[in-house]
Amino acid sequence: MTEEDKAHYNKKIEQINIDHRESILNVLGIKIQSMLDSGGLNSVEIDLIEDVARLAEILKLFPELPDGVIKKILFAMSYFIDENDEIPDIIPELGYLDDVKVVGWIVDEVQGQIPKIPGA
């Protein structure tokens, strides 16, 4: 991901409304279940699902995280949910590559700002 991409996404992160946390989490659950039900997931898609599920777990376990961290996590989940992001999810083998990059970037960004998940 380029610095230009990060600057673009950081502007979008600033616009995230943390009051939409529950609705984003609900839609995330539906998206993940839909992917699991469709079957035939490759290892990249499985890792992506695990990453966004981990982010959702972090939000549930630590609701008092700083707003900036919450916005980043909600942005990553929203990006993953969006079927028509930079590379539309419907494109076989390629559709989730941008999601992997964005979610991975956010995981790296917030990693030092969140407590360890018990038992992880």
C-alpha atoms as a PDB file:
ATOM      1  CA  MET A   1       0.000   0.000   0.000  1.00  0.00           C
ATOM      2  CA  THR A   2       1.399   3.380  -0.960  1.00  0.00           C
ATOM      3  CA  GLU A   3       1.630   6.424   1.279  1.00  0.00           C
ATOM      4  CA  GLU A   4      -0.947   8.022  -1.029  1.00  0.00           C
ATOM      5  CA  ASP A   5      -3.324   5.115  -0.377  1.00  0.00           C
ATOM      6  CA  LYS A   6      -2.787   5.445   3.375  1.00  0.00           C
ATOM      7  CA  ALA A   7      -3.463   9.202   3.256  1.00  0.00           C
ATOM      8  CA  HIS A   8      -6.661   8.545   1.290  1.00  0.00           C
ATOM      9  CA  TYR A   9      -7.828   5.902   3.751  1.00  0.00           C
ATOM     10  CA  ASN A  10      -6.858   8.018   6.771  1.00  0.00           C
ATOM     11  CA  LYS A  11      -9.285  10.674   5.526  1.00  0.00           C
ATOM     12  CA  LYS A  12     -12.001   8.030   5.345  1.00  0.00           C
ATOM     13  CA  ILE A  13     -11.105   6.810   8.838  1.00  0.00           C
ATOM     14  CA  GLU A  14     -11.649  10.319  10.217  1.00  0.00           C
ATOM     15  CA  GLN A  15     -15.211  10.211   8.848  1.00  0.00           C
ATOM     16  CA  ILE A  16     -16.134   6.947  10.583  1.00  0.00           C
ATOM     17  CA  ASN A  17     -18.950   7.350  13.094  1.00  0.00           C
ATOM     18  CA  ILE A  18     -18.224   5.164  16.118  1.00  0.00           C
ATOM     19  CA  ASP A  19     -21.924   5.205  16.978  1.00  0.00           C
ATOM     20  CA  HIS A  20     -22.388   2.780  14.060  1.00  0.00           C
ATOM     21  CA  ARG A  21     -20.269   0.131  15.777  1.00  0.00           C
ATOM     22  CA  GLU A  22     -23.117  -2.333  16.416  1.00  0.00           C
ATOM     23  CA  SER A  23     -24.579  -2.097  12.920  1.00  0.00           C
ATOM     24  CA  ILE A  24     -21.128  -2.605  11.366  1.00  0.00           C
ATOM     25  CA  LEU A  25     -20.551  -5.618  13.613  1.00  0.00           C
ATOM     26  CA  ASN A  26     -23.952  -7.061  12.623  1.00  0.00           C
ATOM     27  CA  VAL A  27     -23.284  -6.686   8.897  1.00  0.00           C
ATOM     28  CA  LEU A  28     -19.779  -8.090   9.401  1.00  0.00           C
ATOM     29  CA  GLY A  29     -21.246 -11.233  10.933  1.00  0.00           C
ATOM     30  CA  ILE A  30     -23.599 -11.647   7.976  1.00  0.00           C
ATOM     31  CA  LYS A  31     -20.742 -11.167   5.465  1.00  0.00           C
ATOM     32  CA  ILE A  32     -18.498 -13.689   7.221  1.00  0.00           C
ATOM     33  CA  GLN A  33     -21.310 -16.242   7.483  1.00  0.00           C
ATOM     34  CA  SER A  34     -22.134 -15.777   3.807  1.00  0.00           C
ATOM     35  CA  MET A  35     -18.511 -16.408   2.844  1.00  0.00           C
ATOM     36  CA  LEU A  36     -18.347 -19.503   5.035  1.00  0.00           C
ATOM     37  CA  ASP A  37     -21.636 -20.820   3.649  1.00  0.00           C
ATOM     38  CA  SER A  38     -20.424 -20.388   0.061  1.00  0.00           C
ATOM     39  CA  GLY A  39     -17.491 -22.690   0.769  1.00  0.00           C
ATOM     40  CA  GLY A  40     -14.405 -23.050  -1.368  1.00  0.00           C
ATOM     41  CA  LEU A  41     -12.483 -20.359   0.474  1.00  0.00           C
ATOM     42  CA  ASN A  42      -8.787 -20.082  -0.256  1.00  0.00           C
ATOM     43  CA  SER A  43      -6.151 -19.576   2.450  1.00  0.00           C
ATOM     44  CA  VAL A  44      -6.000 -15.803   1.849  1.00  0.00           C
ATOM     45  CA  GLU A  45      -9.766 -15.490   2.380  1.00  0.00           C
ATOM     46  CA  ILE A  46      -9.634 -17.671   5.511  1.00  0.00           C
ATOM     47  CA  ASP A  47      -6.825 -15.531   6.969  1.00  0.00           C
ATOM     48  CA  LEU A  48      -8.794 -12.381   6.130  1.00  0.00           C
ATOM     49  CA  ILE A  49     -11.892 -13.702   7.904  1.00  0.00           C
ATOM     50  CA  GLU A  50      -9.762 -14.559  10.933  1.00  0.00           C
ATOM     51  CA  ASP A  51      -8.267 -11.050  10.982  1.00  0.00           C
ATOM     52  CA  VAL A  52     -11.605  -9.207  10.803  1.00  0.00           C
ATOM     53  CA  ALA A  53     -13.119 -11.590  13.356  1.00  0.00           C
ATOM     54  CA  ARG A  54     -10.177 -10.819  15.662  1.00  0.00           C
ATOM     55  CA  LEU A  55     -10.795  -7.086  15.188  1.00  0.00           C
ATOM     56  CA  ALA A  56     -14.470  -7.597  16.061  1.00  0.00           C
ATOM     57  CA  GLU A  57     -13.473  -9.537  19.168  1.00  0.00           C
ATOM     58  CA  ILE A  58     -11.149  -6.708  20.203  1.00  0.00           C
ATOM     59  CA  LEU A  59     -14.011  -4.204  19.920  1.00  0.00           C
ATOM     60  CA  LYS A  60     -16.266  -6.416  22.033  1.00  0.00           C
ATOM     61  CA  LEU A  61     -13.641  -7.152  24.703  1.00  0.00           C
ATOM     62  CA  PHE A  62     -12.295  -3.601  24.949  1.00  0.00           C
ATOM     63  CA  PRO A  63     -15.153  -1.128  24.334  1.00  0.00           C
ATOM     64  CA  GLU A  64     -13.193   1.712  25.975  1.00  0.00           C
ATOM     65  CA  LEU A  65     -10.403   1.830  23.385  1.00  0.00           C
ATOM     66  CA  PRO A  66      -9.449   5.324  22.196  1.00  0.00           C
ATOM     67  CA  ASP A  67     -11.808   6.668  19.526  1.00  0.00           C
ATOM     68  CA  GLY A  68      -8.977   6.748  16.964  1.00  0.00           C
ATOM     69  CA  VAL A  69      -8.341   3.014  17.381  1.00  0.00           C
ATOM     70  CA  ILE A  70     -12.064   2.224  17.239  1.00  0.00           C
ATOM     71  CA  LYS A  71     -12.413   4.250  14.032  1.00  0.00           C
ATOM     72  CA  LYS A  72      -9.511   2.379  12.421  1.00  0.00           C
ATOM     73  CA  ILE A  73     -11.005  -0.983  13.350  1.00  0.00           C
ATOM     74  CA  LEU A  74     -14.469   0.033  12.140  1.00  0.00           C
ATOM     75  CA  PHE A  75     -12.947   1.291   8.903  1.00  0.00           C
ATOM     76  CA  ALA A  76     -11.184  -2.044   8.293  1.00  0.00           C
ATOM     77  CA  MET A  77     -14.419  -3.917   8.920  1.00  0.00           C
ATOM     78  CA  SER A  78     -16.414  -1.522   6.729  1.00  0.00           C
ATOM     79  CA  TYR A  79     -13.900  -1.895   3.922  1.00  0.00           C
ATOM     80  CA  PHE A  80     -14.147  -5.676   4.183  1.00  0.00           C
ATOM     81  CA  ILE A  81     -17.957  -5.514   4.146  1.00  0.00           C
ATOM     82  CA  ASP A  82     -18.028  -3.306   1.031  1.00  0.00           C
ATOM     83  CA  GLU A  83     -18.539  -5.625  -1.952  1.00  0.00           C
ATOM     84  CA  ASN A  84     -17.538  -2.890  -4.421  1.00  0.00           C
ATOM     85  CA  ASP A  85     -14.333  -1.539  -2.912  1.00  0.00           C
ATOM     86  CA  GLU A  86     -11.123  -0.991  -4.929  1.00  0.00           C
ATOM     87  CA  ILE A  87     -11.240  -4.558  -6.286  1.00  0.00           C
ATOM     88  CA  PRO A  88     -14.844  -5.853  -6.300  1.00  0.00           C
ATOM     89  CA  ASP A  89     -15.141  -8.953  -4.108  1.00  0.00           C
ATOM     90  CA  ILE A  90     -16.922 -10.876  -6.844  1.00  0.00           C
ATOM     91  CA  ILE A  91     -13.720 -11.196  -8.930  1.00  0.00           C
ATOM     92  CA  PRO A  92     -12.452 -14.757  -8.354  1.00  0.00           C
ATOM     93  CA  GLU A  93      -9.048 -15.110  -6.687  1.00  0.00           C
ATOM     94  CA  LEU A  94      -8.480 -11.310  -6.711  1.00  0.00           C
ATOM     95  CA  GLY A  95     -11.535  -9.741  -5.109  1.00  0.00           C
ATOM     96  CA  TYR A  96     -10.237  -9.832  -1.558  1.00  0.00           C
ATOM     97  CA  LEU A  97      -6.614  -8.852  -2.183  1.00  0.00           C
ATOM     98  CA  ASP A  98      -7.303  -5.178  -1.471  1.00  0.00           C
ATOM     99  CA  ASP A  99      -9.235  -6.156   1.655  1.00  0.00           C
ATOM    100  CA  VAL A 100      -6.227  -8.163   2.841  1.00  0.00           C
ATOM    101  CA  LYS A 101      -3.964  -5.133   2.372  1.00  0.00           C
ATOM    102  CA  VAL A 102      -6.307  -2.681   4.098  1.00  0.00           C
ATOM    103  CA  VAL A 103      -7.151  -4.996   7.012  1.00  0.00           C
ATOM    104  CA  GLY A 104      -3.467  -5.946   7.424  1.00  0.00           C
ATOM    105  CA  TRP A 105      -2.478  -2.288   7.466  1.00  0.00           C
ATOM    106  CA  ILE A 106      -5.038  -1.531  10.174  1.00  0.00           C
ATOM    107  CA  VAL A 107      -3.975  -4.559  12.235  1.00  0.00           C
ATOM    108  CA  ASP A 108      -0.384  -3.290  12.083  1.00  0.00           C
ATOM    109  CA  GLU A 109      -1.513   0.260  12.951  1.00  0.00           C
ATOM    110  CA  VAL A 110      -3.464  -0.692  16.085  1.00  0.00           C
ATOM    111  CA  GLN A 111      -1.389  -3.639  17.257  1.00  0.00           C
ATOM    112  CA  GLY A 112       0.516  -1.701  19.914  1.00  0.00           C
ATOM    113  CA  GLN A 113      -2.575   0.206  21.073  1.00  0.00           C
ATOM    114  CA  ILE A 114      -4.754  -2.693  22.164  1.00  0.00           C
ATOM    115  CA  PRO A 115      -4.496  -4.976  25.198  1.00  0.00           C
ATOM    116  CA  LYS A 116      -3.704  -8.623  24.639  1.00  0.00           C
ATOM    117  CA  ILE A 117      -6.742 -10.841  24.153  1.00  0.00           C
ATOM    118  CA  PRO A 118      -7.016 -13.247  27.102  1.00  0.00           C
ATOM    119  CA  GLY A 119      -5.970 -16.743  26.063  1.00  0.00           C
ATOM    120  CA  ALA A 120      -4.572 -15.592  22.696  1.00  0.00           C
END
